[in-house]
Amino acid sequence: MDVHRDVVAACVRVAGPRGGVATEKERFQTTTVALERLGGWLADRQVSLVAMEATGVYWKPVYYALESRFEVWLCNAHHVKNVPGRKTDMSDAEWLADVAAHGMIRPSFVPPPPIRELRELTRYRKTQTDARAAEIQRLEKVLQDAGVKLTSVASKVLTQSGRLMVQALIDGQRDPAELANLAKGKLRPKIPELTEAMAGHFGAHHAVAARRILDHVDFLNATIAALTEQIDARTEPFQAAKQLLSSVPGFDRLVIDTVIAETGADMSRFPSPGHLAKWAGVCPGNHESAGKRRRVGITQAAIGCGAPLSKRPGPQPGQGVATSAHSTARSPSGAARTRPLSP
């Protein structure tokens, strides 16, 4: 099947009248009702295996509608390219049916529904966390525009002390000494430096922008907390895996949740650690020609894993497999699920 946003082209290989192979082709819409008709059309022709090309996120409704009735293979689009210059939706569907029938492609890993639900939540939490970081950076730009050098003294703009100072600026306080006196904890000895840093030209328009930013940050904090609560409930059955992953240096709670969501904590799906490392996108490819090896980087991998792991320490002696096995990068389309299980 060749899948698009609004339509799916289906081709069925059936036994011909003289012992050869005949094909039947049909187009279906991708609405839930139309996909039910597609399932009935395939069942009437006694289809046992359905192969479909992974197209962005558009493969998901089709896959979910058929997975309970057929064996469905999700195939990497790079591995099923047809001859250039002869491309149509129907020819693509026929070509995919042909290569699947001859065993020329392998299915990609698609986790079971509970893991897919968990993954949706962890990935959405990651987007909200990134949005929060962007808002905090935007607040820093507002302060710099106003000549307020808070981060020249404090480590971050929104520490407990920083939040109080920014809030005071929004409320109309402009006295640098009064603002610096709001410092708490380790910033108390730095009050003279803070007094100098807080002297600026924070205006009314800066206050409007900063107020909106703080409100948005508070909203994002609440969203992240709600998502974390749901994620904790869904990862409760994986306590053994969480305990094991917590022994990996640099793996904190967020990384462990992401690893479980992206891999399903089921290593039986991967024939070897090398297969898992390849699927995760941390195994460099090969490019050798005329006896010369060219430099090849790692591939893009599953959304949600890469950013948390990219800032973690490298593998420790004896722990290379455990660390690399769960390191991935970002792919907004979600197509990273289509990498085959090959080393």
C-alpha atoms as a PDB file:
ATOM      1  CA  MET A   1       0.000   0.000   0.000  1.00  0.00           C
ATOM      2  CA  ASP A   2       1.168   3.488  -0.874  1.00  0.00           C
ATOM      3  CA  VAL A   3      -0.054   5.795   1.881  1.00  0.00           C
ATOM      4  CA  HIS A   4      -0.761   9.519   1.667  1.00  0.00           C
ATOM      5  CA  ARG A   5      -2.636  11.972   3.853  1.00  0.00           C
ATOM      6  CA  ASP A   6      -6.024  11.665   2.147  1.00  0.00           C
ATOM      7  CA  VAL A   7      -5.782   8.506   0.082  1.00  0.00           C
ATOM      8  CA  VAL A   8      -4.146   5.088   0.164  1.00  0.00           C
ATOM      9  CA  ALA A   9      -3.420   3.076  -2.996  1.00  0.00           C
ATOM     10  CA  ALA A  10      -3.724  -0.670  -2.418  1.00  0.00           C
ATOM     11  CA  CYS A  11      -2.492  -3.483  -4.635  1.00  0.00           C
ATOM     12  CA  VAL A  12      -3.180  -7.176  -3.948  1.00  0.00           C
ATOM     13  CA  ARG A  13      -1.180  -9.996  -5.546  1.00  0.00           C
ATOM     14  CA  VAL A  14      -3.386 -13.002  -6.273  1.00  0.00           C
ATOM     15  CA  ALA A  15      -2.904 -16.241  -8.159  1.00  0.00           C
ATOM     16  CA  GLY A  16      -3.576 -15.812 -11.869  1.00  0.00           C
ATOM     17  CA  PRO A  17      -5.869 -18.058 -13.921  1.00  0.00           C
ATOM     18  CA  ARG A  18      -2.905 -19.805 -15.543  1.00  0.00           C
ATOM     19  CA  GLY A  19      -0.660 -20.160 -12.547  1.00  0.00           C
ATOM     20  CA  GLY A  20       0.936 -16.749 -12.768  1.00  0.00           C
ATOM     21  CA  VAL A  21       0.360 -13.679 -10.617  1.00  0.00           C
ATOM     22  CA  ALA A  22      -2.416 -11.176 -11.124  1.00  0.00           C
ATOM     23  CA  THR A  23      -2.905  -7.906  -9.328  1.00  0.00           C
ATOM     24  CA  GLU A  24      -5.966  -6.051  -8.137  1.00  0.00           C
ATOM     25  CA  LYS A  25      -5.728  -2.352  -7.375  1.00  0.00           C
ATOM     26  CA  GLU A  26      -8.000   0.080  -5.616  1.00  0.00           C
ATOM     27  CA  ARG A  27      -7.920   3.483  -3.945  1.00  0.00           C
ATOM     28  CA  PHE A  28      -9.395   4.247  -0.533  1.00  0.00           C
ATOM     29  CA  GLN A  29      -9.786   7.355   1.552  1.00  0.00           C
ATOM     30  CA  THR A  30      -7.976   7.464   4.882  1.00  0.00           C
ATOM     31  CA  THR A  31     -10.974   8.202   7.078  1.00  0.00           C
ATOM     32  CA  THR A  32     -11.814   5.595   9.717  1.00  0.00           C
ATOM     33  CA  VAL A  33     -14.916   4.453   7.812  1.00  0.00           C
ATOM     34  CA  ALA A  34     -12.981   4.141   4.541  1.00  0.00           C
ATOM     35  CA  LEU A  35     -10.196   2.214   6.272  1.00  0.00           C
ATOM     36  CA  GLU A  36     -12.804  -0.266   7.521  1.00  0.00           C
ATOM     37  CA  ARG A  37     -13.787  -0.798   3.896  1.00  0.00           C
ATOM     38  CA  LEU A  38     -10.119  -1.269   3.038  1.00  0.00           C
ATOM     39  CA  GLY A  39      -9.824  -3.975   5.698  1.00  0.00           C
ATOM     40  CA  GLY A  40     -12.900  -5.727   4.314  1.00  0.00           C
ATOM     41  CA  TRP A  41     -11.543  -5.482   0.761  1.00  0.00           C
ATOM     42  CA  LEU A  42      -8.291  -7.096   1.854  1.00  0.00           C
ATOM     43  CA  ALA A  43     -10.068  -9.785   3.865  1.00  0.00           C
ATOM     44  CA  ASP A  44     -12.290 -10.703   0.911  1.00  0.00           C
ATOM     45  CA  ARG A  45      -9.134 -11.416  -1.070  1.00  0.00           C
ATOM     46  CA  GLN A  46      -7.662 -13.518   1.746  1.00  0.00           C
ATOM     47  CA  VAL A  47      -4.678 -11.259   2.244  1.00  0.00           C
ATOM     48  CA  SER A  48      -2.311 -12.558   4.926  1.00  0.00           C
ATOM     49  CA  LEU A  49       0.448  -9.938   4.805  1.00  0.00           C
ATOM     50  CA  VAL A  50       0.094  -6.188   4.353  1.00  0.00           C
ATOM     51  CA  ALA A  51       3.186  -4.124   3.499  1.00  0.00           C
ATOM     52  CA  MET A  52       2.960  -0.368   3.672  1.00  0.00           C
ATOM     53  CA  GLU A  53       5.432   2.442   3.214  1.00  0.00           C
ATOM     54  CA  ALA A  54       6.067   4.731   6.161  1.00  0.00           C
ATOM     55  CA  THR A  55       5.042   8.222   5.068  1.00  0.00           C
ATOM     56  CA  GLY A  56       5.555  10.844   7.757  1.00  0.00           C
ATOM     57  CA  VAL A  57       2.791  10.346  10.312  1.00  0.00           C
ATOM     58  CA  TYR A  58       0.187   9.412   7.716  1.00  0.00           C
ATOM     59  CA  TRP A  59       0.910   5.708   8.034  1.00  0.00           C
ATOM     60  CA  LYS A  60      -0.382   5.617  11.607  1.00  0.00           C
ATOM     61  CA  PRO A  61      -4.175   5.641  11.011  1.00  0.00           C
ATOM     62  CA  VAL A  62      -3.820   2.981   8.319  1.00  0.00           C
ATOM     63  CA  TYR A  63      -1.537   0.799  10.413  1.00  0.00           C
ATOM     64  CA  TYR A  64      -3.718   1.056  13.515  1.00  0.00           C
ATOM     65  CA  ALA A  65      -6.850   0.176  11.540  1.00  0.00           C
ATOM     66  CA  LEU A  66      -5.309  -3.000  10.091  1.00  0.00           C
ATOM     67  CA  GLU A  67      -2.936  -4.328  12.744  1.00  0.00           C
ATOM     68  CA  SER A  68      -5.629  -6.295  14.591  1.00  0.00           C
ATOM     69  CA  ARG A  69      -6.752  -8.136  11.434  1.00  0.00           C
ATOM     70  CA  PHE A  70      -3.575  -8.712   9.433  1.00  0.00           C
ATOM     71  CA  GLU A  71       0.161  -9.062   9.770  1.00  0.00           C
ATOM     72  CA  VAL A  72       1.265  -5.552   8.841  1.00  0.00           C
ATOM     73  CA  TRP A  73       4.778  -4.597   7.812  1.00  0.00           C
ATOM     74  CA  LEU A  74       5.856  -0.983   8.070  1.00  0.00           C
ATOM     75  CA  CYS A  75       8.657  -0.486   5.559  1.00  0.00           C
ATOM     76  CA  ASN A  76      11.379   2.106   5.337  1.00  0.00           C
ATOM     77  CA  ALA A  77      10.664   4.338   2.339  1.00  0.00           C
ATOM     78  CA  HIS A  78      14.385   4.470   1.486  1.00  0.00           C
ATOM     79  CA  HIS A  79      14.437   0.701   0.997  1.00  0.00           C
ATOM     80  CA  VAL A  80      11.497   0.435  -1.400  1.00  0.00           C
ATOM     81  CA  LYS A  81      12.175   3.152  -3.943  1.00  0.00           C
ATOM     82  CA  ASN A  82      10.870   2.424  -7.430  1.00  0.00           C
ATOM     83  CA  VAL A  83      12.575   3.189 -10.746  1.00  0.00           C
ATOM     84  CA  PRO A  84      12.797   6.985 -11.187  1.00  0.00           C
ATOM     85  CA  GLY A  85      10.596   8.455 -13.896  1.00  0.00           C
ATOM     86  CA  ARG A  86       7.896   5.785 -13.615  1.00  0.00           C
ATOM     87  CA  LYS A  87       6.284   6.812 -10.370  1.00  0.00           C
ATOM     88  CA  THR A  88       2.552   6.683  -9.747  1.00  0.00           C
ATOM     89  CA  ASP A  89       0.672   5.791  -6.594  1.00  0.00           C
ATOM     90  CA  MET A  90      -0.547   2.536  -8.072  1.00  0.00           C
ATOM     91  CA  SER A  91       2.855   1.555  -9.448  1.00  0.00           C
ATOM     92  CA  ASP A  92       4.386   2.256  -6.045  1.00  0.00           C
ATOM     93  CA  ALA A  93       1.795   0.009  -4.393  1.00  0.00           C
ATOM     94  CA  GLU A  94       2.425  -2.749  -6.926  1.00  0.00           C
ATOM     95  CA  TRP A  95       6.179  -2.470  -6.479  1.00  0.00           C
ATOM     96  CA  LEU A  96       5.843  -2.658  -2.692  1.00  0.00           C
ATOM     97  CA  ALA A  97       3.649  -5.766  -3.004  1.00  0.00           C
ATOM     98  CA  ASP A  98       6.232  -7.355  -5.288  1.00  0.00           C
ATOM     99  CA  VAL A  99       9.269  -6.754  -3.078  1.00  0.00           C
ATOM    100  CA  ALA A 100       7.344  -7.868   0.018  1.00  0.00           C
ATOM    101  CA  ALA A 101       6.224 -11.079  -1.685  1.00  0.00           C
ATOM    102  CA  HIS A 102       9.831 -11.915  -2.562  1.00  0.00           C
ATOM    103  CA  GLY A 103      11.209 -11.128   0.890  1.00  0.00           C
ATOM    104  CA  MET A 104      13.307  -8.198  -0.319  1.00  0.00           C
ATOM    105  CA  ILE A 105      12.384  -5.917   2.576  1.00  0.00           C
ATOM    106  CA  ARG A 106      12.132  -6.242   6.329  1.00  0.00           C
ATOM    107  CA  PRO A 107       9.518  -4.786   8.666  1.00  0.00           C
ATOM    108  CA  SER A 108      10.390  -1.937  10.979  1.00  0.00           C
ATOM    109  CA  PHE A 109       9.835  -1.936  14.708  1.00  0.00           C
ATOM    110  CA  VAL A 110       6.413  -0.645  15.765  1.00  0.00           C
ATOM    111  CA  PRO A 111       5.814  -0.936  19.508  1.00  0.00           C
ATOM    112  CA  PRO A 112       2.543  -2.182  21.029  1.00  0.00           C
ATOM    113  CA  PRO A 113      -0.259   0.306  21.843  1.00  0.00           C
ATOM    114  CA  PRO A 114       0.643   0.883  25.537  1.00  0.00           C
ATOM    115  CA  ILE A 115       4.180   1.896  24.561  1.00  0.00           C
ATOM    116  CA  ARG A 116       2.880   4.079  21.735  1.00  0.00           C
ATOM    117  CA  GLU A 117       0.662   5.904  24.222  1.00  0.00           C
ATOM    118  CA  LEU A 118       3.583   6.371  26.595  1.00  0.00           C
ATOM    119  CA  ARG A 119       5.749   7.627  23.749  1.00  0.00           C
ATOM    120  CA  GLU A 120       3.170  10.240  22.750  1.00  0.00           C
ATOM    121  CA  LEU A 121       3.273  11.623  26.276  1.00  0.00           C
ATOM    122  CA  THR A 122       7.069  11.615  26.633  1.00  0.00           C
ATOM    123  CA  ARG A 123       7.548  13.277  23.261  1.00  0.00           C
ATOM    124  CA  TYR A 124       4.933  15.905  24.020  1.00  0.00           C
ATOM    125  CA  ARG A 125       6.589  16.560  27.375  1.00  0.00           C
ATOM    126  CA  LYS A 126       9.855  17.071  25.516  1.00  0.00           C
ATOM    127  CA  THR A 127       8.285  19.673  23.227  1.00  0.00           C
ATOM    128  CA  GLN A 128       6.853  21.492  26.233  1.00  0.00           C
ATOM    129  CA  THR A 129      10.218  21.386  27.995  1.00  0.00           C
ATOM    130  CA  ASP A 130      11.878  22.841  24.898  1.00  0.00           C
ATOM    131  CA  ALA A 131       9.200  25.541  24.732  1.00  0.00           C
ATOM    132  CA  ARG A 132       9.877  26.435  28.356  1.00  0.00           C
ATOM    133  CA  ALA A 133      13.602  26.701  27.696  1.00  0.00           C
ATOM    134  CA  ALA A 134      12.880  28.964  24.720  1.00  0.00           C
ATOM    135  CA  GLU A 135      10.690  31.221  26.866  1.00  0.00           C
ATOM    136  CA  ILE A 136      13.397  31.515  29.513  1.00  0.00           C
ATOM    137  CA  GLN A 137      15.894  32.466  26.808  1.00  0.00           C
ATOM    138  CA  ARG A 138      13.403  35.025  25.544  1.00  0.00           C
ATOM    139  CA  LEU A 139      13.187  36.503  29.045  1.00  0.00           C
ATOM    140  CA  GLU A 140      16.976  36.775  29.118  1.00  0.00           C
ATOM    141  CA  LYS A 141      16.839  38.729  25.848  1.00  0.00           C
ATOM    142  CA  VAL A 142      14.271  41.099  27.334  1.00  0.00           C
ATOM    143  CA  LEU A 143      16.497  41.739  30.344  1.00  0.00           C
ATOM    144  CA  GLN A 144      19.541  42.268  28.146  1.00  0.00           C
ATOM    145  CA  ASP A 145      17.564  44.724  26.018  1.00  0.00           C
ATOM    146  CA  ALA A 146      16.733  46.583  29.225  1.00  0.00           C
ATOM    147  CA  GLY A 147      20.377  46.625  30.341  1.00  0.00           C
ATOM    148  CA  VAL A 148      19.647  44.357  33.328  1.00  0.00           C
ATOM    149  CA  LYS A 149      22.665  42.058  33.735  1.00  0.00           C
ATOM    150  CA  LEU A 150      21.135  39.572  36.142  1.00  0.00           C
ATOM    151  CA  THR A 151      22.769  36.523  34.564  1.00  0.00           C
ATOM    152  CA  SER A 152      26.197  38.144  34.831  1.00  0.00           C
ATOM    153  CA  VAL A 153      25.938  37.500  38.577  1.00  0.00           C
ATOM    154  CA  ALA A 154      23.353  34.731  38.965  1.00  0.00           C
ATOM    155  CA  SER A 155      23.799  31.386  37.250  1.00  0.00           C
ATOM    156  CA  LYS A 156      20.314  31.438  35.717  1.00  0.00           C
ATOM    157  CA  VAL A 157      17.688  34.036  35.029  1.00  0.00           C
ATOM    158  CA  LEU A 158      14.842  32.177  36.755  1.00  0.00           C
ATOM    159  CA  THR A 159      16.347  30.993  40.003  1.00  0.00           C
ATOM    160  CA  GLN A 160      14.274  31.648  43.103  1.00  0.00           C
ATOM    161  CA  SER A 161      16.037  34.965  43.584  1.00  0.00           C
ATOM    162  CA  GLY A 162      15.884  35.814  39.879  1.00  0.00           C
ATOM    163  CA  ARG A 163      12.151  35.201  39.746  1.00  0.00           C
ATOM    164  CA  LEU A 164      11.597  37.580  42.676  1.00  0.00           C
ATOM    165  CA  MET A 165      13.700  40.285  41.040  1.00  0.00           C
ATOM    166  CA  VAL A 166      11.995  39.977  37.663  1.00  0.00           C
ATOM    167  CA  GLN A 167       8.606  40.043  39.344  1.00  0.00           C
ATOM    168  CA  ALA A 168       9.610  43.181  41.243  1.00  0.00           C
ATOM    169  CA  LEU A 169      10.695  44.821  37.997  1.00  0.00           C
ATOM    170  CA  ILE A 170       7.329  43.989  36.452  1.00  0.00           C
ATOM    171  CA  ASP A 171       5.565  45.457  39.507  1.00  0.00           C
ATOM    172  CA  GLY A 172       7.386  48.730  39.028  1.00  0.00           C
ATOM    173  CA  GLN A 173      10.395  48.504  41.349  1.00  0.00           C
ATOM    174  CA  ARG A 174      13.400  50.217  39.755  1.00  0.00           C
ATOM    175  CA  ASP A 175      15.736  50.756  42.722  1.00  0.00           C
ATOM    176  CA  PRO A 176      18.766  48.504  42.118  1.00  0.00           C
ATOM    177  CA  ALA A 177      19.487  48.226  45.846  1.00  0.00           C
ATOM    178  CA  GLU A 178      15.951  47.088  46.631  1.00  0.00           C
ATOM    179  CA  LEU A 179      16.036  44.612  43.793  1.00  0.00           C
ATOM    180  CA  ALA A 180      19.394  43.211  44.888  1.00  0.00           C
ATOM    181  CA  ASN A 181      18.133  42.857  48.441  1.00  0.00           C
ATOM    182  CA  LEU A 182      15.644  40.242  47.207  1.00  0.00           C
ATOM    183  CA  ALA A 183      18.522  37.813  46.739  1.00  0.00           C
ATOM    184  CA  LYS A 184      18.395  34.568  48.685  1.00  0.00           C
ATOM    185  CA  GLY A 185      20.823  31.849  49.664  1.00  0.00           C
ATOM    186  CA  LYS A 186      24.170  31.887  47.903  1.00  0.00           C
ATOM    187  CA  LEU A 187      23.394  35.169  46.163  1.00  0.00           C
ATOM    188  CA  ARG A 188      23.287  37.126  49.414  1.00  0.00           C
ATOM    189  CA  PRO A 189      27.091  37.651  49.476  1.00  0.00           C
ATOM    190  CA  LYS A 190      26.837  39.050  45.923  1.00  0.00           C
ATOM    191  CA  ILE A 191      24.452  41.890  46.746  1.00  0.00           C
ATOM    192  CA  PRO A 192      26.990  44.623  45.749  1.00  0.00           C
ATOM    193  CA  GLU A 193      27.464  42.988  42.322  1.00  0.00           C
ATOM    194  CA  LEU A 194      23.706  42.502  41.971  1.00  0.00           C
ATOM    195  CA  THR A 195      23.056  46.146  42.811  1.00  0.00           C
ATOM    196  CA  GLU A 196      25.272  47.192  39.934  1.00  0.00           C
ATOM    197  CA  ALA A 197      23.862  44.552  37.593  1.00  0.00           C
ATOM    198  CA  MET A 198      20.216  45.466  38.229  1.00  0.00           C
ATOM    199  CA  ALA A 199      20.702  49.101  37.240  1.00  0.00           C
ATOM    200  CA  GLY A 200      19.205  49.443  33.771  1.00  0.00           C
ATOM    201  CA  HIS A 201      16.399  51.031  31.777  1.00  0.00           C
ATOM    202  CA  PHE A 202      13.604  48.501  32.285  1.00  0.00           C
ATOM    203  CA  GLY A 203      10.578  50.115  30.669  1.00  0.00           C
ATOM    204  CA  ALA A 204       6.860  49.531  30.481  1.00  0.00           C
ATOM    205  CA  HIS A 205       7.124  47.493  27.270  1.00  0.00           C
ATOM    206  CA  HIS A 206       9.733  45.282  28.927  1.00  0.00           C
ATOM    207  CA  ALA A 207       7.305  44.699  31.798  1.00  0.00           C
ATOM    208  CA  VAL A 208       4.531  43.665  29.389  1.00  0.00           C
ATOM    209  CA  ALA A 209       6.786  41.159  27.625  1.00  0.00           C
ATOM    210  CA  ALA A 210       8.252  39.786  30.865  1.00  0.00           C
ATOM    211  CA  ARG A 211       4.769  39.369  32.376  1.00  0.00           C
ATOM    212  CA  ARG A 212       3.581  37.344  29.388  1.00  0.00           C
ATOM    213  CA  ILE A 213       6.740  35.234  29.481  1.00  0.00           C
ATOM    214  CA  LEU A 214       6.392  34.412  33.185  1.00  0.00           C
ATOM    215  CA  ASP A 215       2.728  33.504  32.706  1.00  0.00           C
ATOM    216  CA  HIS A 216       3.660  31.230  29.809  1.00  0.00           C
ATOM    217  CA  VAL A 217       6.447  29.596  31.825  1.00  0.00           C
ATOM    218  CA  ASP A 218       3.991  28.938  34.670  1.00  0.00           C
ATOM    219  CA  PHE A 219       1.548  27.390  32.200  1.00  0.00           C
ATOM    220  CA  LEU A 220       4.276  25.183  30.744  1.00  0.00           C
ATOM    221  CA  ASN A 221       5.374  24.109  34.217  1.00  0.00           C
ATOM    222  CA  ALA A 222       1.815  23.013  34.990  1.00  0.00           C
ATOM    223  CA  THR A 223       1.585  21.157  31.678  1.00  0.00           C
ATOM    224  CA  ILE A 224       4.873  19.353  32.250  1.00  0.00           C
ATOM    225  CA  ALA A 225       3.828  18.378  35.768  1.00  0.00           C
ATOM    226  CA  ALA A 226       0.521  16.949  34.502  1.00  0.00           C
ATOM    227  CA  LEU A 227       2.290  14.998  31.749  1.00  0.00           C
ATOM    228  CA  THR A 228       4.866  13.673  34.222  1.00  0.00           C
ATOM    229  CA  GLU A 229       2.077  12.397  36.457  1.00  0.00           C
ATOM    230  CA  GLN A 230       0.570  10.467  33.553  1.00  0.00           C
ATOM    231  CA  ILE A 231       3.972   9.141  32.476  1.00  0.00           C
ATOM    232  CA  ASP A 232       4.754   7.941  35.995  1.00  0.00           C
ATOM    233  CA  ALA A 233       1.502   5.982  36.070  1.00  0.00           C
ATOM    234  CA  ARG A 234       2.230   4.350  32.710  1.00  0.00           C
ATOM    235  CA  THR A 235       5.838   3.432  33.577  1.00  0.00           C
ATOM    236  CA  GLU A 236       4.837   1.807  36.868  1.00  0.00           C
ATOM    237  CA  PRO A 237       4.907  -1.724  35.313  1.00  0.00           C
ATOM    238  CA  PHE A 238       8.531  -1.145  34.238  1.00  0.00           C
ATOM    239  CA  GLN A 239      10.066  -0.784  37.690  1.00  0.00           C
ATOM    240  CA  ALA A 240      12.657  -3.495  37.006  1.00  0.00           C
ATOM    241  CA  ALA A 241      13.801  -1.769  33.814  1.00  0.00           C
ATOM    242  CA  LYS A 242      13.865   1.620  35.549  1.00  0.00           C
ATOM    243  CA  GLN A 243      16.003   0.204  38.333  1.00  0.00           C
ATOM    244  CA  LEU A 244      18.439  -1.264  35.818  1.00  0.00           C
ATOM    245  CA  LEU A 245      18.623   1.921  33.748  1.00  0.00           C
ATOM    246  CA  SER A 246      19.232   4.036  36.838  1.00  0.00           C
ATOM    247  CA  SER A 247      22.624   2.328  37.162  1.00  0.00           C
ATOM    248  CA  VAL A 248      23.786   3.881  33.863  1.00  0.00           C
ATOM    249  CA  PRO A 249      25.899   7.004  34.556  1.00  0.00           C
ATOM    250  CA  GLY A 250      24.047  10.169  33.597  1.00  0.00           C
ATOM    251  CA  PHE A 251      20.626   8.561  33.263  1.00  0.00           C
ATOM    252  CA  ASP A 252      18.144  10.590  35.268  1.00  0.00           C
ATOM    253  CA  ARG A 253      14.393  10.196  35.590  1.00  0.00           C
ATOM    254  CA  LEU A 254      13.539  11.942  32.329  1.00  0.00           C
ATOM    255  CA  VAL A 255      16.059   9.941  30.316  1.00  0.00           C
ATOM    256  CA  ILE A 256      14.854   6.657  31.785  1.00  0.00           C
ATOM    257  CA  ASP A 257      11.249   7.488  30.928  1.00  0.00           C
ATOM    258  CA  THR A 258      12.299   8.336  27.379  1.00  0.00           C
ATOM    259  CA  VAL A 259      14.317   5.147  26.940  1.00  0.00           C
ATOM    260  CA  ILE A 260      11.389   3.011  28.063  1.00  0.00           C
ATOM    261  CA  ALA A 261       8.992   4.887  25.784  1.00  0.00           C
ATOM    262  CA  GLU A 262      11.238   4.659  22.725  1.00  0.00           C
ATOM    263  CA  THR A 263      12.371   1.038  23.092  1.00  0.00           C
ATOM    264  CA  GLY A 264       9.426  -0.462  24.936  1.00  0.00           C
ATOM    265  CA  ALA A 265      11.925  -1.970  27.390  1.00  0.00           C
ATOM    266  CA  ASP A 266      11.648  -5.158  25.342  1.00  0.00           C
ATOM    267  CA  MET A 267      15.101  -6.111  24.136  1.00  0.00           C
ATOM    268  CA  SER A 268      13.809  -9.325  22.553  1.00  0.00           C
ATOM    269  CA  ARG A 269      12.780  -7.204  19.555  1.00  0.00           C
ATOM    270  CA  PHE A 270      16.451  -6.591  18.787  1.00  0.00           C
ATOM    271  CA  PRO A 271      18.629  -9.576  17.803  1.00  0.00           C
ATOM    272  CA  SER A 272      21.767  -8.051  19.325  1.00  0.00           C
ATOM    273  CA  PRO A 273      23.071  -4.908  21.036  1.00  0.00           C
ATOM    274  CA  GLY A 274      24.441  -3.861  17.652  1.00  0.00           C
ATOM    275  CA  HIS A 275      20.971  -3.965  16.127  1.00  0.00           C
ATOM    276  CA  LEU A 276      19.634  -1.800  18.921  1.00  0.00           C
ATOM    277  CA  ALA A 277      22.487   0.690  18.537  1.00  0.00           C
ATOM    278  CA  LYS A 278      21.817   0.884  14.802  1.00  0.00           C
ATOM    279  CA  TRP A 279      18.092   1.362  15.323  1.00  0.00           C
ATOM    280  CA  ALA A 280      18.772   4.047  17.917  1.00  0.00           C
ATOM    281  CA  GLY A 281      20.941   5.948  15.435  1.00  0.00           C
ATOM    282  CA  VAL A 282      24.264   5.814  17.258  1.00  0.00           C
ATOM    283  CA  CYS A 283      25.989   3.325  14.951  1.00  0.00           C
ATOM    284  CA  PRO A 284      27.890   5.148  12.166  1.00  0.00           C
ATOM    285  CA  GLY A 285      27.362   3.913   8.636  1.00  0.00           C
ATOM    286  CA  ASN A 286      29.984   2.690   6.164  1.00  0.00           C
ATOM    287  CA  HIS A 287      31.108   4.418   2.978  1.00  0.00           C
ATOM    288  CA  GLU A 288      34.046   2.689   1.332  1.00  0.00           C
ATOM    289  CA  SER A 289      34.975   3.207  -2.313  1.00  0.00           C
ATOM    290  CA  ALA A 290      38.183   2.324  -4.163  1.00  0.00           C
ATOM    291  CA  GLY A 291      39.739   1.188  -0.904  1.00  0.00           C
ATOM    292  CA  LYS A 292      39.125   4.525   0.781  1.00  0.00           C
ATOM    293  CA  ARG A 293      36.806   5.022   3.718  1.00  0.00           C
ATOM    294  CA  ARG A 294      34.828   8.218   3.848  1.00  0.00           C
ATOM    295  CA  ARG A 295      33.613   9.799   7.000  1.00  0.00           C
ATOM    296  CA  VAL A 296      29.978   8.926   7.745  1.00  0.00           C
ATOM    297  CA  GLY A 297      28.024  10.330  10.666  1.00  0.00           C
ATOM    298  CA  ILE A 298      25.263   8.711  12.661  1.00  0.00           C
ATOM    299  CA  THR A 299      21.692   8.785  11.429  1.00  0.00           C
ATOM    300  CA  GLN A 300      18.705  10.678  12.735  1.00  0.00           C
ATOM    301  CA  ALA A 301      16.858   8.557  15.255  1.00  0.00           C
ATOM    302  CA  ALA A 302      13.837   8.433  17.491  1.00  0.00           C
ATOM    303  CA  ILE A 303      12.331  11.663  18.685  1.00  0.00           C
ATOM    304  CA  GLY A 304      12.653  12.310  22.390  1.00  0.00           C
ATOM    305  CA  CYS A 305      15.784  10.355  23.206  1.00  0.00           C
ATOM    306  CA  GLY A 306      18.522  12.371  21.556  1.00  0.00           C
ATOM    307  CA  ALA A 307      18.419  15.639  23.455  1.00  0.00           C
ATOM    308  CA  PRO A 308      18.383  14.131  26.947  1.00  0.00           C
ATOM    309  CA  LEU A 309      21.196  11.730  26.085  1.00  0.00           C
ATOM    310  CA  SER A 310      23.343  14.081  24.023  1.00  0.00           C
ATOM    311  CA  LYS A 311      24.332  15.984  27.152  1.00  0.00           C
ATOM    312  CA  ARG A 312      25.070  12.882  29.199  1.00  0.00           C
ATOM    313  CA  PRO A 313      28.547  11.508  29.931  1.00  0.00           C
ATOM    314  CA  GLY A 314      30.014   9.110  27.437  1.00  0.00           C
ATOM    315  CA  PRO A 315      29.990   5.364  28.027  1.00  0.00           C
ATOM    316  CA  GLN A 316      32.069   4.149  30.932  1.00  0.00           C
ATOM    317  CA  PRO A 317      34.388   1.152  30.635  1.00  0.00           C
ATOM    318  CA  GLY A 318      32.283  -1.956  30.294  1.00  0.00           C
ATOM    319  CA  GLN A 319      29.110   0.063  29.762  1.00  0.00           C
ATOM    320  CA  GLY A 320      29.374   0.998  26.098  1.00  0.00           C
ATOM    321  CA  VAL A 321      26.449  -1.174  25.019  1.00  0.00           C
ATOM    322  CA  ALA A 322      24.098   0.031  27.734  1.00  0.00           C
ATOM    323  CA  THR A 323      24.803   3.691  27.028  1.00  0.00           C
ATOM    324  CA  SER A 324      24.828   3.583  23.241  1.00  0.00           C
ATOM    325  CA  ALA A 325      21.825   1.314  23.132  1.00  0.00           C
ATOM    326  CA  HIS A 326      19.594   4.084  24.361  1.00  0.00           C
ATOM    327  CA  SER A 327      21.020   7.142  22.620  1.00  0.00           C
ATOM    328  CA  THR A 328      18.856   8.642  19.907  1.00  0.00           C
ATOM    329  CA  ALA A 329      18.264  11.902  18.100  1.00  0.00           C
ATOM    330  CA  ARG A 330      15.258  13.879  16.879  1.00  0.00           C
ATOM    331  CA  SER A 331      12.906  13.485  13.945  1.00  0.00           C
ATOM    332  CA  PRO A 332       9.783  15.608  14.068  1.00  0.00           C
ATOM    333  CA  SER A 333       7.952  13.486  11.558  1.00  0.00           C
ATOM    334  CA  GLY A 334       8.250  10.383  13.697  1.00  0.00           C
ATOM    335  CA  ALA A 335       9.659   8.475  10.720  1.00  0.00           C
ATOM    336  CA  ALA A 336      12.533   7.279  12.871  1.00  0.00           C
ATOM    337  CA  ARG A 337      10.332   4.304  13.743  1.00  0.00           C
ATOM    338  CA  THR A 338      10.958   3.050  10.231  1.00  0.00           C
ATOM    339  CA  ARG A 339      14.585   2.079  10.651  1.00  0.00           C
ATOM    340  CA  PRO A 340      15.035  -1.657  10.093  1.00  0.00           C
ATOM    341  CA  LEU A 341      16.595  -3.879  12.708  1.00  0.00           C
ATOM    342  CA  SER A 342      19.986  -4.190  11.044  1.00  0.00           C
ATOM    343  CA  PRO A 343      23.449  -3.618  12.490  1.00  0.00           C
END
